[in-house]
C-alpha atoms as a PDB file:
ATOM      1  CA  MET A   1     117.646  -9.288 140.934  1.00  0.00           C
ATOM      2  CA  THR A   2     115.438  -8.984 138.256  1.00  0.00           C
ATOM      3  CA  LYS A   3     114.144 -11.412 135.374  1.00  0.00           C
ATOM      4  CA  GLU A   4     116.666 -10.063 132.941  1.00  0.00           C
ATOM      5  CA  GLU A   5     119.136  -9.528 135.190  1.00  0.00           C
ATOM      6  CA  PHE A   6     118.694 -13.499 136.696  1.00  0.00           C
ATOM      7  CA  LYS A   7     118.635 -14.587 132.943  1.00  0.00           C
ATOM      8  CA  LYS A   8     121.733 -13.007 132.259  1.00  0.00           C
ATOM      9  CA  THR A   9     123.705 -14.539 134.818  1.00  0.00           C
ATOM     10  CA  LEU A  10     122.281 -17.985 133.799  1.00  0.00           C
ATOM     11  CA  GLU A  11     123.434 -16.599 129.975  1.00  0.00           C
ATOM     12  CA  THR A  12     126.939 -16.033 131.354  1.00  0.00           C
ATOM     13  CA  ALA A  13     127.762 -18.957 133.218  1.00  0.00           C
ATOM     14  CA  VAL A  14     125.784 -22.000 131.395  1.00  0.00           C
ATOM     15  CA  GLY A  15     124.698 -20.309 127.844  1.00  0.00           C
ATOM     16  CA  GLY A  16     125.592 -21.829 124.754  1.00  0.00           C
ATOM     17  CA  THR A  17     125.420 -25.357 125.153  1.00  0.00           C
ATOM     18  CA  ALA A  18     121.926 -27.260 124.458  1.00  0.00           C
ATOM     19  CA  TYR A  19     121.256 -28.519 128.187  1.00  0.00           C
ATOM     20  CA  GLY A  20     122.203 -24.849 129.916  1.00  0.00           C
ATOM     21  CA  ASP A  21     119.817 -23.340 127.320  1.00  0.00           C
ATOM     22  CA  GLU A  22     117.719 -25.644 128.452  1.00  0.00           C
ATOM     23  CA  ILE A  23     118.322 -25.383 132.102  1.00  0.00           C
ATOM     24  CA  ILE A  24     117.949 -21.106 131.519  1.00  0.00           C
ATOM     25  CA  GLU A  25     114.769 -21.434 129.785  1.00  0.00           C
ATOM     26  CA  ASP A  26     113.340 -23.892 132.566  1.00  0.00           C
ATOM     27  CA  LEU A  27     114.781 -21.120 135.568  1.00  0.00           C
ATOM     28  CA  VAL A  28     113.410 -18.017 134.242  1.00  0.00           C
ATOM     29  CA  ALA A  29     110.084 -20.072 133.090  1.00  0.00           C
ATOM     30  CA  HIS A  30     109.108 -20.360 136.816  1.00  0.00           C
ATOM     31  CA  PHE A  31     110.710 -16.886 137.994  1.00  0.00           C
ATOM     32  CA  ASP A  32     109.023 -15.786 141.031  1.00  0.00           C
ATOM     33  CA  GLU A  33     109.240 -12.333 140.996  1.00  0.00           C
ATOM     34  CA  THR A  34     108.070 -11.979 145.453  1.00  0.00           C
ATOM     35  CA  GLY A  35     111.758 -12.686 145.924  1.00  0.00           C
ATOM     36  CA  LYS A  36     112.027 -16.131 146.159  1.00  0.00           C
ATOM     37  CA  TYR A  37     113.109 -16.763 142.716  1.00  0.00           C
ATOM     38  CA  ALA A  38     116.918 -17.954 144.203  1.00  0.00           C
ATOM     39  CA  GLN A  39     115.200 -20.954 146.184  1.00  0.00           C
ATOM     40  CA  ASN A  40     112.906 -21.894 144.021  1.00  0.00           C
ATOM     41  CA  ALA A  41     115.902 -21.922 141.248  1.00  0.00           C
ATOM     42  CA  LYS A  42     117.966 -24.127 143.493  1.00  0.00           C
ATOM     43  CA  ASP A  43     115.288 -26.111 144.474  1.00  0.00           C
ATOM     44  CA  ARG A  44     114.857 -27.027 141.081  1.00  0.00           C
ATOM     45  CA  LEU A  45     118.457 -27.560 140.533  1.00  0.00           C
ATOM     46  CA  ASP A  46     119.123 -29.339 143.507  1.00  0.00           C
ATOM     47  CA  GLU A  47     116.281 -31.712 142.038  1.00  0.00           C
ATOM     48  CA  ARG A  48     118.154 -31.915 138.389  1.00  0.00           C
ATOM     49  CA  ILE A  49     121.520 -32.596 139.858  1.00  0.00           C
ATOM     50  CA  ALA A  50     119.665 -35.554 141.850  1.00  0.00           C
ATOM     51  CA  THR A  51     118.181 -36.940 139.047  1.00  0.00           C
ATOM     52  CA  LEU A  52     121.088 -36.701 136.637  1.00  0.00           C
ATOM     53  CA  LYS A  53     123.218 -38.359 139.137  1.00  0.00           C
ATOM     54  CA  GLY A  54     120.944 -41.637 139.619  1.00  0.00           C
ATOM     55  CA  TRP A  55     120.563 -41.783 135.624  1.00  0.00           C
ATOM     56  CA  ALA A  56     124.279 -41.774 135.814  1.00  0.00           C
ATOM     57  CA  LYS A  57     124.798 -44.310 138.555  1.00  0.00           C
ATOM     58  CA  LYS A  58     121.866 -46.110 136.894  1.00  0.00           C
ATOM     59  CA  HIS A  59     123.941 -46.149 132.853  1.00  0.00           C
ATOM     60  CA  GLU A  60     127.550 -47.054 134.871  1.00  0.00           C
ATOM     61  CA  ALA A  61     125.570 -50.251 136.588  1.00  0.00           C
ATOM     62  CA  GLU A  62     124.422 -51.058 133.277  1.00  0.00           C
ATOM     63  CA  GLY A  63     128.107 -51.161 131.785  1.00  0.00           C
ATOM     64  CA  GLN A  64     126.949 -47.918 129.443  1.00  0.00           C
ATOM     65  CA  ALA A  65     130.083 -45.408 130.511  1.00  0.00           C
ATOM     66  CA  ASP A  66     129.187 -43.154 127.599  1.00  0.00           C
ATOM     67  CA  LYS A  67     125.686 -42.685 128.886  1.00  0.00           C
ATOM     68  CA  ALA A  68     127.084 -41.743 132.280  1.00  0.00           C
ATOM     69  CA  ALA A  69     129.480 -39.458 130.915  1.00  0.00           C
ATOM     70  CA  GLU A  70     126.423 -37.531 129.138  1.00  0.00           C
ATOM     71  CA  GLU A  71     124.747 -37.535 132.585  1.00  0.00           C
ATOM     72  CA  LEU A  72     127.570 -36.103 134.397  1.00  0.00           C
ATOM     73  CA  ALA A  73     128.925 -33.588 131.801  1.00  0.00           C
ATOM     74  CA  LYS A  74     125.076 -32.024 132.561  1.00  0.00           C
ATOM     75  CA  VAL A  75     125.743 -32.677 136.537  1.00  0.00           C
ATOM     76  CA  ALA A  76     128.698 -29.850 136.269  1.00  0.00           C
ATOM     77  CA  ILE A  77     126.268 -27.668 133.849  1.00  0.00           C
ATOM     78  CA  ALA A  78     123.986 -27.514 136.161  1.00  0.00           C
ATOM     79  CA  GLU A  79     126.395 -26.835 138.977  1.00  0.00           C
ATOM     80  CA  LYS A  80     127.726 -23.914 137.379  1.00  0.00           C
ATOM     81  CA  ALA A  81     124.066 -22.337 136.928  1.00  0.00           C
ATOM     82  CA  LEU A  82     123.572 -23.499 141.205  1.00  0.00           C
ATOM     83  CA  ALA A  83     127.001 -21.519 141.694  1.00  0.00           C
ATOM     84  CA  ALA A  84     125.888 -18.220 139.747  1.00  0.00           C
ATOM     85  CA  ILE A  85     122.888 -17.880 141.252  1.00  0.00           C
ATOM     86  CA  ALA A  86     124.153 -18.948 145.265  1.00  0.00           C
END
């Protein structure tokens, strides 16, 4: 897959939202032409998802359900991106 094809795949999956566009920008910037782009992208997304889930859990424990929901919405976007490149 070329860098442009990779970007279009992500745009189709998660483009159009601020967080989705942020993910696309990050993954395309770290695209590896040697063919390891998918593993690198999966690793980056796994880290994002884990971090977001941690923040959601922290907000929930602090009684901030609205902030937890925001983090979980970001998790859903990151998981869509992950599914698109898997």
